[in-house]
Amino acid sequence: MGSWTPVYDQALSVSLDGGTRFVANFRYSIKEGHPLQDGASAFEHVHPRIQKAVDLFDSNCGATMIGFVQHGTGSLKSHKIQCFYAT
């Protein structure tokens, strides 16, 4: 038993009653013509207020990037952490 929370189209957080927590960003791809396709220096000309993220990336909310599993409660330093991904 537990709960889950999407964070817009960017991330997923799942908390189980036993204290285990899963957190990961959703998978995304860079759209054709994005400045990063041609190198990071081209990104300098993109102003965040002019070009919205929705214009630059395609979200895939059916899969995640590599995230982490936190076992138990408390700080990240006080217990074991593992990596995971979801589809």
PDB file of N, CA and C in Angstrom:
ATOM      1  N   MET A   1       0.845  -1.170   0.000  1.00  0.00           N
ATOM      2  CA  MET A   1       0.000   0.000   0.000  1.00  0.00           C
ATOM      3  C   MET A   1       0.896   1.241   0.000  1.00  0.00           C
ATOM      4  N   GLY A   2       0.382   2.296  -0.576  1.00  0.00           N
ATOM      5  CA  GLY A   2       1.136   3.530  -0.604  1.00  0.00           C
ATOM      6  C   GLY A   2       0.448   4.560  -1.472  1.00  0.00           C
ATOM      7  N   SER A   3       1.226   5.518  -1.945  1.00  0.00           N
ATOM      8  CA  SER A   3       0.687   6.573  -2.799  1.00  0.00           C
ATOM      9  C   SER A   3       1.719   6.963  -3.841  1.00  0.00           C
ATOM     10  N   TRP A   4       1.246   7.604  -4.912  1.00  0.00           N
ATOM     11  CA  TRP A   4       2.155   8.094  -5.934  1.00  0.00           C
ATOM     12  C   TRP A   4       1.734   9.499  -6.329  1.00  0.00           C
ATOM     13  N   THR A   5       2.683  10.265  -6.806  1.00  0.00           N
ATOM     14  CA  THR A   5       2.434  11.643  -7.200  1.00  0.00           C
ATOM     15  C   THR A   5       3.220  11.957  -8.465  1.00  0.00           C
ATOM     16  N   PRO A   6       2.547  12.364  -9.544  1.00  0.00           N
ATOM     17  CA  PRO A   6       3.287  12.877 -10.690  1.00  0.00           C
ATOM     18  C   PRO A   6       3.670  14.328 -10.412  1.00  0.00           C
ATOM     19  N   VAL A   7       4.804  14.739 -10.916  1.00  0.00           N
ATOM     20  CA  VAL A   7       5.227  16.130 -10.803  1.00  0.00           C
ATOM     21  C   VAL A   7       5.188  16.700 -12.223  1.00  0.00           C
ATOM     22  N   TYR A   8       4.021  17.277 -12.571  1.00  0.00           N
ATOM     23  CA  TYR A   8       3.745  17.775 -13.915  1.00  0.00           C
ATOM     24  C   TYR A   8       4.067  16.667 -14.901  1.00  0.00           C
ATOM     25  N   ASP A   9       4.802  16.938 -15.972  1.00  0.00           N
ATOM     26  CA  ASP A   9       5.213  15.874 -16.891  1.00  0.00           C
ATOM     27  C   ASP A   9       6.708  15.601 -16.726  1.00  0.00           C
ATOM     28  N   GLN A  10       7.241  15.904 -15.528  1.00  0.00           N
ATOM     29  CA  GLN A  10       8.684  15.835 -15.334  1.00  0.00           C
ATOM     30  C   GLN A  10       9.150  14.694 -14.452  1.00  0.00           C
ATOM     31  N   ALA A  11       8.386  14.293 -13.440  1.00  0.00           N
ATOM     32  CA  ALA A  11       8.890  13.303 -12.491  1.00  0.00           C
ATOM     33  C   ALA A  11       7.747  12.505 -11.862  1.00  0.00           C
ATOM     34  N   LEU A  12       8.133  11.443 -11.160  1.00  0.00           N
ATOM     35  CA  LEU A  12       7.205  10.557 -10.477  1.00  0.00           C
ATOM     36  C   LEU A  12       7.772  10.231  -9.101  1.00  0.00           C
ATOM     37  N   SER A  13       6.917  10.287  -8.076  1.00  0.00           N
ATOM     38  CA  SER A  13       7.317   9.921  -6.731  1.00  0.00           C
ATOM     39  C   SER A  13       6.318   8.890  -6.212  1.00  0.00           C
ATOM     40  N   VAL A  14       6.824   7.730  -5.772  1.00  0.00           N
ATOM     41  CA  VAL A  14       5.989   6.672  -5.207  1.00  0.00           C
ATOM     42  C   VAL A  14       6.461   6.423  -3.785  1.00  0.00           C
ATOM     43  N   SER A  15       5.540   6.495  -2.818  1.00  0.00           N
ATOM     44  CA  SER A  15       5.863   6.259  -1.407  1.00  0.00           C
ATOM     45  C   SER A  15       5.049   5.075  -0.899  1.00  0.00           C
ATOM     46  N   LEU A  16       5.737   4.031  -0.432  1.00  0.00           N
ATOM     47  CA  LEU A  16       5.067   2.861   0.119  1.00  0.00           C
ATOM     48  C   LEU A  16       4.923   3.011   1.624  1.00  0.00           C
ATOM     49  N   ASP A  17       3.903   2.379   2.183  1.00  0.00           N
ATOM     50  CA  ASP A  17       3.625   2.514   3.612  1.00  0.00           C
ATOM     51  C   ASP A  17       4.789   2.081   4.502  1.00  0.00           C
ATOM     52  N   GLY A  18       5.619   1.150   4.048  1.00  0.00           N
ATOM     53  CA  GLY A  18       6.751   0.688   4.841  1.00  0.00           C
ATOM     54  C   GLY A  18       7.933   1.636   4.859  1.00  0.00           C
ATOM     55  N   GLY A  19       7.822   2.776   4.169  1.00  0.00           N
ATOM     56  CA  GLY A  19       8.899   3.760   4.171  1.00  0.00           C
ATOM     57  C   GLY A  19       9.749   3.763   2.918  1.00  0.00           C
ATOM     58  N   THR A  20       9.539   2.812   1.991  1.00  0.00           N
ATOM     59  CA  THR A  20      10.300   2.799   0.740  1.00  0.00           C
ATOM     60  C   THR A  20       9.741   3.870  -0.188  1.00  0.00           C
ATOM     61  N   ARG A  21      10.653   4.605  -0.824  1.00  0.00           N
ATOM     62  CA  ARG A  21      10.252   5.693  -1.717  1.00  0.00           C
ATOM     63  C   ARG A  21      11.002   5.567  -3.035  1.00  0.00           C
ATOM     64  N   PHE A  22      10.296   5.718  -4.152  1.00  0.00           N
ATOM     65  CA  PHE A  22      10.865   5.699  -5.501  1.00  0.00           C
ATOM     66  C   PHE A  22      10.708   7.095  -6.089  1.00  0.00           C
ATOM     67  N   VAL A  23      11.791   7.659  -6.644  1.00  0.00           N
ATOM     68  CA  VAL A  23      11.732   8.985  -7.259  1.00  0.00           C
ATOM     69  C   VAL A  23      12.536   8.941  -8.559  1.00  0.00           C
ATOM     70  N   ALA A  24      11.924   9.407  -9.655  1.00  0.00           N
ATOM     71  CA  ALA A  24      12.629   9.440 -10.940  1.00  0.00           C
ATOM     72  C   ALA A  24      12.003  10.480 -11.850  1.00  0.00           C
ATOM     73  N   ASN A  25      12.810  11.041 -12.739  1.00  0.00           N
ATOM     74  CA  ASN A  25      12.312  11.924 -13.790  1.00  0.00           C
ATOM     75  C   ASN A  25      11.755  11.074 -14.919  1.00  0.00           C
ATOM     76  N   PHE A  26      10.668  11.549 -15.548  1.00  0.00           N
ATOM     77  CA  PHE A  26      10.151  10.868 -16.724  1.00  0.00           C
ATOM     78  C   PHE A  26      11.161  10.982 -17.863  1.00  0.00           C
ATOM     79  N   ARG A  27      11.135   9.982 -18.736  1.00  0.00           N
ATOM     80  CA  ARG A  27      12.019   9.982 -19.907  1.00  0.00           C
ATOM     81  C   ARG A  27      11.567  11.095 -20.858  1.00  0.00           C
ATOM     82  N   TYR A  28      12.501  11.682 -21.541  1.00  0.00           N
ATOM     83  CA  TYR A  28      12.195  12.698 -22.543  1.00  0.00           C
ATOM     84  C   TYR A  28      13.204  12.601 -23.676  1.00  0.00           C
ATOM     85  N   SER A  29      12.863  13.187 -24.791  1.00  0.00           N
ATOM     86  CA  SER A  29      13.794  13.266 -25.913  1.00  0.00           C
ATOM     87  C   SER A  29      13.853  14.713 -26.386  1.00  0.00           C
ATOM     88  N   ILE A  30      14.968  15.071 -26.972  1.00  0.00           N
ATOM     89  CA  ILE A  30      15.165  16.422 -27.496  1.00  0.00           C
ATOM     90  C   ILE A  30      14.529  16.487 -28.879  1.00  0.00           C
ATOM     91  N   LYS A  31      13.712  17.500 -29.120  1.00  0.00           N
ATOM     92  CA  LYS A  31      13.042  17.643 -30.402  1.00  0.00           C
ATOM     93  C   LYS A  31      14.039  18.014 -31.501  1.00  0.00           C
ATOM     94  N   GLU A  32      13.683  17.657 -32.709  1.00  0.00           N
ATOM     95  CA  GLU A  32      14.475  17.999 -33.891  1.00  0.00           C
ATOM     96  C   GLU A  32      14.666  19.507 -33.954  1.00  0.00           C
ATOM     97  N   GLY A  33      15.886  19.938 -34.200  1.00  0.00           N
ATOM     98  CA  GLY A  33      16.188  21.359 -34.294  1.00  0.00           C
ATOM     99  C   GLY A  33      16.547  22.014 -32.972  1.00  0.00           C
ATOM    100  N   HIS A  34      16.546  21.244 -31.884  1.00  0.00           N
ATOM    101  CA  HIS A  34      16.925  21.796 -30.577  1.00  0.00           C
ATOM    102  C   HIS A  34      18.398  22.189 -30.627  1.00  0.00           C
ATOM    103  N   PRO A  35      18.763  23.311 -30.028  1.00  0.00           N
ATOM    104  CA  PRO A  35      20.151  23.775 -30.076  1.00  0.00           C
ATOM    105  C   PRO A  35      21.169  22.762 -29.546  1.00  0.00           C
ATOM    106  N   LEU A  36      20.797  21.926 -28.579  1.00  0.00           N
ATOM    107  CA  LEU A  36      21.749  20.958 -28.028  1.00  0.00           C
ATOM    108  C   LEU A  36      22.117  19.863 -29.012  1.00  0.00           C
ATOM    109  N   GLN A  37      21.332  19.673 -30.056  1.00  0.00           N
ATOM    110  CA  GLN A  37      21.678  18.670 -31.057  1.00  0.00           C
ATOM    111  C   GLN A  37      22.961  19.042 -31.789  1.00  0.00           C
ATOM    112  N   ASP A  38      23.231  20.328 -31.878  1.00  0.00           N
ATOM    113  CA  ASP A  38      24.406  20.794 -32.596  1.00  0.00           C
ATOM    114  C   ASP A  38      25.543  21.214 -31.679  1.00  0.00           C
ATOM    115  N   GLY A  39      25.404  20.979 -30.392  1.00  0.00           N
ATOM    116  CA  GLY A  39      26.442  21.348 -29.436  1.00  0.00           C
ATOM    117  C   GLY A  39      25.923  22.322 -28.395  1.00  0.00           C
ATOM    118  N   ALA A  40      26.512  22.283 -27.240  1.00  0.00           N
ATOM    119  CA  ALA A  40      26.057  23.098 -26.114  1.00  0.00           C
ATOM    120  C   ALA A  40      26.208  24.591 -26.373  1.00  0.00           C
ATOM    121  N   SER A  41      27.177  24.996 -27.163  1.00  0.00           N
ATOM    122  CA  SER A  41      27.383  26.432 -27.388  1.00  0.00           C
ATOM    123  C   SER A  41      26.190  27.071 -28.093  1.00  0.00           C
ATOM    124  N   ALA A  42      25.484  26.315 -28.913  1.00  0.00           N
ATOM    125  CA  ALA A  42      24.316  26.861 -29.602  1.00  0.00           C
ATOM    126  C   ALA A  42      23.187  27.159 -28.632  1.00  0.00           C
ATOM    127  N   PHE A  43      23.202  26.528 -27.451  1.00  0.00           N
ATOM    128  CA  PHE A  43      22.149  26.712 -26.457  1.00  0.00           C
ATOM    129  C   PHE A  43      22.190  28.096 -25.817  1.00  0.00           C
ATOM    130  N   GLU A  44      23.323  28.784 -25.903  1.00  0.00           N
ATOM    131  CA  GLU A  44      23.475  30.101 -25.290  1.00  0.00           C
ATOM    132  C   GLU A  44      22.472  31.114 -25.823  1.00  0.00           C
ATOM    133  N   HIS A  45      21.990  30.943 -27.048  1.00  0.00           N
ATOM    134  CA  HIS A  45      21.095  31.911 -27.670  1.00  0.00           C
ATOM    135  C   HIS A  45      19.633  31.689 -27.303  1.00  0.00           C
ATOM    136  N   VAL A  46      19.314  30.598 -26.636  1.00  0.00           N
ATOM    137  CA  VAL A  46      17.931  30.292 -26.282  1.00  0.00           C
ATOM    138  C   VAL A  46      17.627  30.922 -24.931  1.00  0.00           C
ATOM    139  N   HIS A  47      16.683  31.822 -24.916  1.00  0.00           N
ATOM    140  CA  HIS A  47      16.288  32.480 -23.670  1.00  0.00           C
ATOM    141  C   HIS A  47      15.084  31.722 -23.109  1.00  0.00           C
ATOM    142  N   PRO A  48      15.129  31.305 -21.837  1.00  0.00           N
ATOM    143  CA  PRO A  48      14.054  30.485 -21.284  1.00  0.00           C
ATOM    144  C   PRO A  48      12.679  31.144 -21.300  1.00  0.00           C
ATOM    145  N   ARG A  49      12.617  32.457 -21.276  1.00  0.00           N
ATOM    146  CA  ARG A  49      11.316  33.131 -21.301  1.00  0.00           C
ATOM    147  C   ARG A  49      10.763  33.227 -22.716  1.00  0.00           C
ATOM    148  N   ILE A  50      11.609  33.058 -23.703  1.00  0.00           N
ATOM    149  CA  ILE A  50      11.175  33.170 -25.091  1.00  0.00           C
ATOM    150  C   ILE A  50      10.753  31.800 -25.623  1.00  0.00           C
ATOM    151  N   GLN A  51      11.543  30.777 -25.362  1.00  0.00           N
ATOM    152  CA  GLN A  51      11.278  29.454 -25.894  1.00  0.00           C
ATOM    153  C   GLN A  51      10.917  28.520 -24.746  1.00  0.00           C
ATOM    154  N   LYS A  52       9.692  28.020 -24.735  1.00  0.00           N
ATOM    155  CA  LYS A  52       9.202  27.168 -23.664  1.00  0.00           C
ATOM    156  C   LYS A  52       9.763  25.760 -23.801  1.00  0.00           C
ATOM    157  N   ALA A  53       9.862  25.052 -22.669  1.00  0.00           N
ATOM    158  CA  ALA A  53      10.367  23.681 -22.663  1.00  0.00           C
ATOM    159  C   ALA A  53       9.525  22.770 -23.552  1.00  0.00           C
ATOM    160  N   VAL A  54       8.222  23.019 -23.615  1.00  0.00           N
ATOM    161  CA  VAL A  54       7.345  22.185 -24.442  1.00  0.00           C
ATOM    162  C   VAL A  54       7.745  22.269 -25.922  1.00  0.00           C
ATOM    163  N   ASP A  55       8.368  23.368 -26.323  1.00  0.00           N
ATOM    164  CA  ASP A  55       8.831  23.535 -27.690  1.00  0.00           C
ATOM    165  C   ASP A  55      10.156  22.813 -27.946  1.00  0.00           C
ATOM    166  N   LEU A  56      10.871  22.435 -26.882  1.00  0.00           N
ATOM    167  CA  LEU A  56      12.207  21.875 -27.013  1.00  0.00           C
ATOM    168  C   LEU A  56      12.293  20.372 -26.750  1.00  0.00           C
ATOM    169  N   PHE A  57      11.352  19.831 -25.956  1.00  0.00           N
ATOM    170  CA  PHE A  57      11.442  18.440 -25.534  1.00  0.00           C
ATOM    171  C   PHE A  57      10.115  17.711 -25.723  1.00  0.00           C
ATOM    172  N   ASP A  58      10.185  16.400 -25.956  1.00  0.00           N
ATOM    173  CA  ASP A  58       9.018  15.522 -25.966  1.00  0.00           C
ATOM    174  C   ASP A  58       9.085  14.653 -24.731  1.00  0.00           C
ATOM    175  N   SER A  59       8.066  14.730 -23.874  1.00  0.00           N
ATOM    176  CA  SER A  59       8.023  13.920 -22.656  1.00  0.00           C
ATOM    177  C   SER A  59       7.440  12.549 -22.967  1.00  0.00           C
ATOM    178  N   ASN A  60       7.961  11.520 -22.297  1.00  0.00           N
ATOM    179  CA  ASN A  60       7.420  10.169 -22.368  1.00  0.00           C
ATOM    180  C   ASN A  60       7.040   9.779 -20.948  1.00  0.00           C
ATOM    181  N   CYS A  61       5.800  10.029 -20.571  1.00  0.00           N
ATOM    182  CA  CYS A  61       5.357   9.777 -19.198  1.00  0.00           C
ATOM    183  C   CYS A  61       5.091   8.296 -18.938  1.00  0.00           C
ATOM    184  N   GLY A  62       5.377   7.423 -19.905  1.00  0.00           N
ATOM    185  CA  GLY A  62       5.228   5.987 -19.722  1.00  0.00           C
ATOM    186  C   GLY A  62       6.533   5.311 -19.350  1.00  0.00           C
ATOM    187  N   ALA A  63       7.598   6.082 -19.142  1.00  0.00           N
ATOM    188  CA  ALA A  63       8.904   5.518 -18.769  1.00  0.00           C
ATOM    189  C   ALA A  63       9.687   6.586 -18.003  1.00  0.00           C
ATOM    190  N   THR A  64      10.668   6.134 -17.219  1.00  0.00           N
ATOM    191  CA  THR A  64      11.484   7.080 -16.456  1.00  0.00           C
ATOM    192  C   THR A  64      12.951   6.975 -16.855  1.00  0.00           C
ATOM    193  N   MET A  65      13.700   7.987 -16.478  1.00  0.00           N
ATOM    194  CA  MET A  65      15.153   7.937 -16.507  1.00  0.00           C
ATOM    195  C   MET A  65      15.570   7.120 -15.281  1.00  0.00           C
ATOM    196  N   ILE A  66      16.859   6.970 -15.053  1.00  0.00           N
ATOM    197  CA  ILE A  66      17.325   6.289 -13.851  1.00  0.00           C
ATOM    198  C   ILE A  66      16.964   7.146 -12.637  1.00  0.00           C
ATOM    199  N   GLY A  67      16.319   6.534 -11.661  1.00  0.00           N
ATOM    200  CA  GLY A  67      15.932   7.222 -10.443  1.00  0.00           C
ATOM    201  C   GLY A  67      16.536   6.522  -9.242  1.00  0.00           C
ATOM    202  N   PHE A  68      16.011   6.815  -8.051  1.00  0.00           N
ATOM    203  CA  PHE A  68      16.546   6.140  -6.873  1.00  0.00           C
ATOM    204  C   PHE A  68      15.425   5.600  -6.007  1.00  0.00           C
ATOM    205  N   VAL A  69      15.753   4.520  -5.285  1.00  0.00           N
ATOM    206  CA  VAL A  69      14.860   3.907  -4.310  1.00  0.00           C
ATOM    207  C   VAL A  69      15.457   4.185  -2.946  1.00  0.00           C
ATOM    208  N   GLN A  70      14.684   4.771  -2.066  1.00  0.00           N
ATOM    209  CA  GLN A  70      15.126   5.086  -0.713  1.00  0.00           C
ATOM    210  C   GLN A  70      14.409   4.125   0.227  1.00  0.00           C
ATOM    211  N   HIS A  71      15.165   3.303   0.935  1.00  0.00           N
ATOM    212  CA  HIS A  71      14.593   2.323   1.855  1.00  0.00           C
ATOM    213  C   HIS A  71      14.577   2.889   3.269  1.00  0.00           C
ATOM    214  N   GLY A  72      13.419   2.940   3.902  1.00  0.00           N
ATOM    215  CA  GLY A  72      13.310   3.448   5.260  1.00  0.00           C
ATOM    216  C   GLY A  72      13.058   4.933   5.289  1.00  0.00           C
ATOM    217  N   THR A  73      12.945   5.458   6.483  1.00  0.00           N
ATOM    218  CA  THR A  73      12.679   6.887   6.645  1.00  0.00           C
ATOM    219  C   THR A  73      13.935   7.590   7.147  1.00  0.00           C
ATOM    220  N   GLY A  74      13.934   8.891   7.094  1.00  0.00           N
ATOM    221  CA  GLY A  74      15.081   9.667   7.537  1.00  0.00           C
ATOM    222  C   GLY A  74      15.837  10.245   6.357  1.00  0.00           C
ATOM    223  N   SER A  75      17.058  10.653   6.599  1.00  0.00           N
ATOM    224  CA  SER A  75      17.854  11.297   5.559  1.00  0.00           C
ATOM    225  C   SER A  75      18.436  10.267   4.593  1.00  0.00           C
ATOM    226  N   LEU A  76      18.909  10.750   3.466  1.00  0.00           N
ATOM    227  CA  LEU A  76      19.532   9.868   2.485  1.00  0.00           C
ATOM    228  C   LEU A  76      20.827   9.257   3.015  1.00  0.00           C
ATOM    229  N   LYS A  77      21.457   9.888   3.996  1.00  0.00           N
ATOM    230  CA  LYS A  77      22.713   9.382   4.551  1.00  0.00           C
ATOM    231  C   LYS A  77      22.503   8.241   5.541  1.00  0.00           C
ATOM    232  N   SER A  78      21.283   8.086   6.061  1.00  0.00           N
ATOM    233  CA  SER A  78      21.067   7.132   7.138  1.00  0.00           C
ATOM    234  C   SER A  78      20.593   5.748   6.706  1.00  0.00           C
ATOM    235  N   HIS A  79      20.444   5.502   5.412  1.00  0.00           N
ATOM    236  CA  HIS A  79      19.978   4.187   4.984  1.00  0.00           C
ATOM    237  C   HIS A  79      20.373   3.897   3.547  1.00  0.00           C
ATOM    238  N   LYS A  80      20.136   2.659   3.111  1.00  0.00           N
ATOM    239  CA  LYS A  80      20.531   2.168   1.795  1.00  0.00           C
ATOM    240  C   LYS A  80      19.699   2.811   0.683  1.00  0.00           C
ATOM    241  N   ILE A  81      20.369   3.135  -0.419  1.00  0.00           N
ATOM    242  CA  ILE A  81      19.707   3.685  -1.600  1.00  0.00           C
ATOM    243  C   ILE A  81      20.113   2.844  -2.805  1.00  0.00           C
ATOM    244  N   GLN A  82      19.156   2.580  -3.699  1.00  0.00           N
ATOM    245  CA  GLN A  82      19.415   1.832  -4.926  1.00  0.00           C
ATOM    246  C   GLN A  82      18.893   2.622  -6.111  1.00  0.00           C
ATOM    247  N   CYS A  83      19.371   2.269  -7.305  1.00  0.00           N
ATOM    248  CA  CYS A  83      18.879   2.883  -8.545  1.00  0.00           C
ATOM    249  C   CYS A  83      17.757   2.026  -9.119  1.00  0.00           C
ATOM    250  N   PHE A  84      16.875   2.642  -9.924  1.00  0.00           N
ATOM    251  CA  PHE A  84      15.823   1.925 -10.624  1.00  0.00           C
ATOM    252  C   PHE A  84      15.388   2.737 -11.838  1.00  0.00           C
ATOM    253  N   TYR A  85      14.651   2.085 -12.721  1.00  0.00           N
ATOM    254  CA  TYR A  85      13.939   2.779 -13.785  1.00  0.00           C
ATOM    255  C   TYR A  85      12.612   2.073 -13.979  1.00  0.00           C
ATOM    256  N   ALA A  86      11.656   2.743 -14.576  1.00  0.00           N
ATOM    257  CA  ALA A  86      10.322   2.179 -14.716  1.00  0.00           C
ATOM    258  C   ALA A  86       9.801   2.343 -16.130  1.00  0.00           C
ATOM    259  N   THR A  87       8.984   1.409 -16.533  1.00  0.00           N
ATOM    260  CA  THR A  87       8.248   1.502 -17.802  1.00  0.00           C
ATOM    261  C   THR A  87       6.821   1.079 -17.561  1.00  0.00           C
TER     262      THR A  87
END
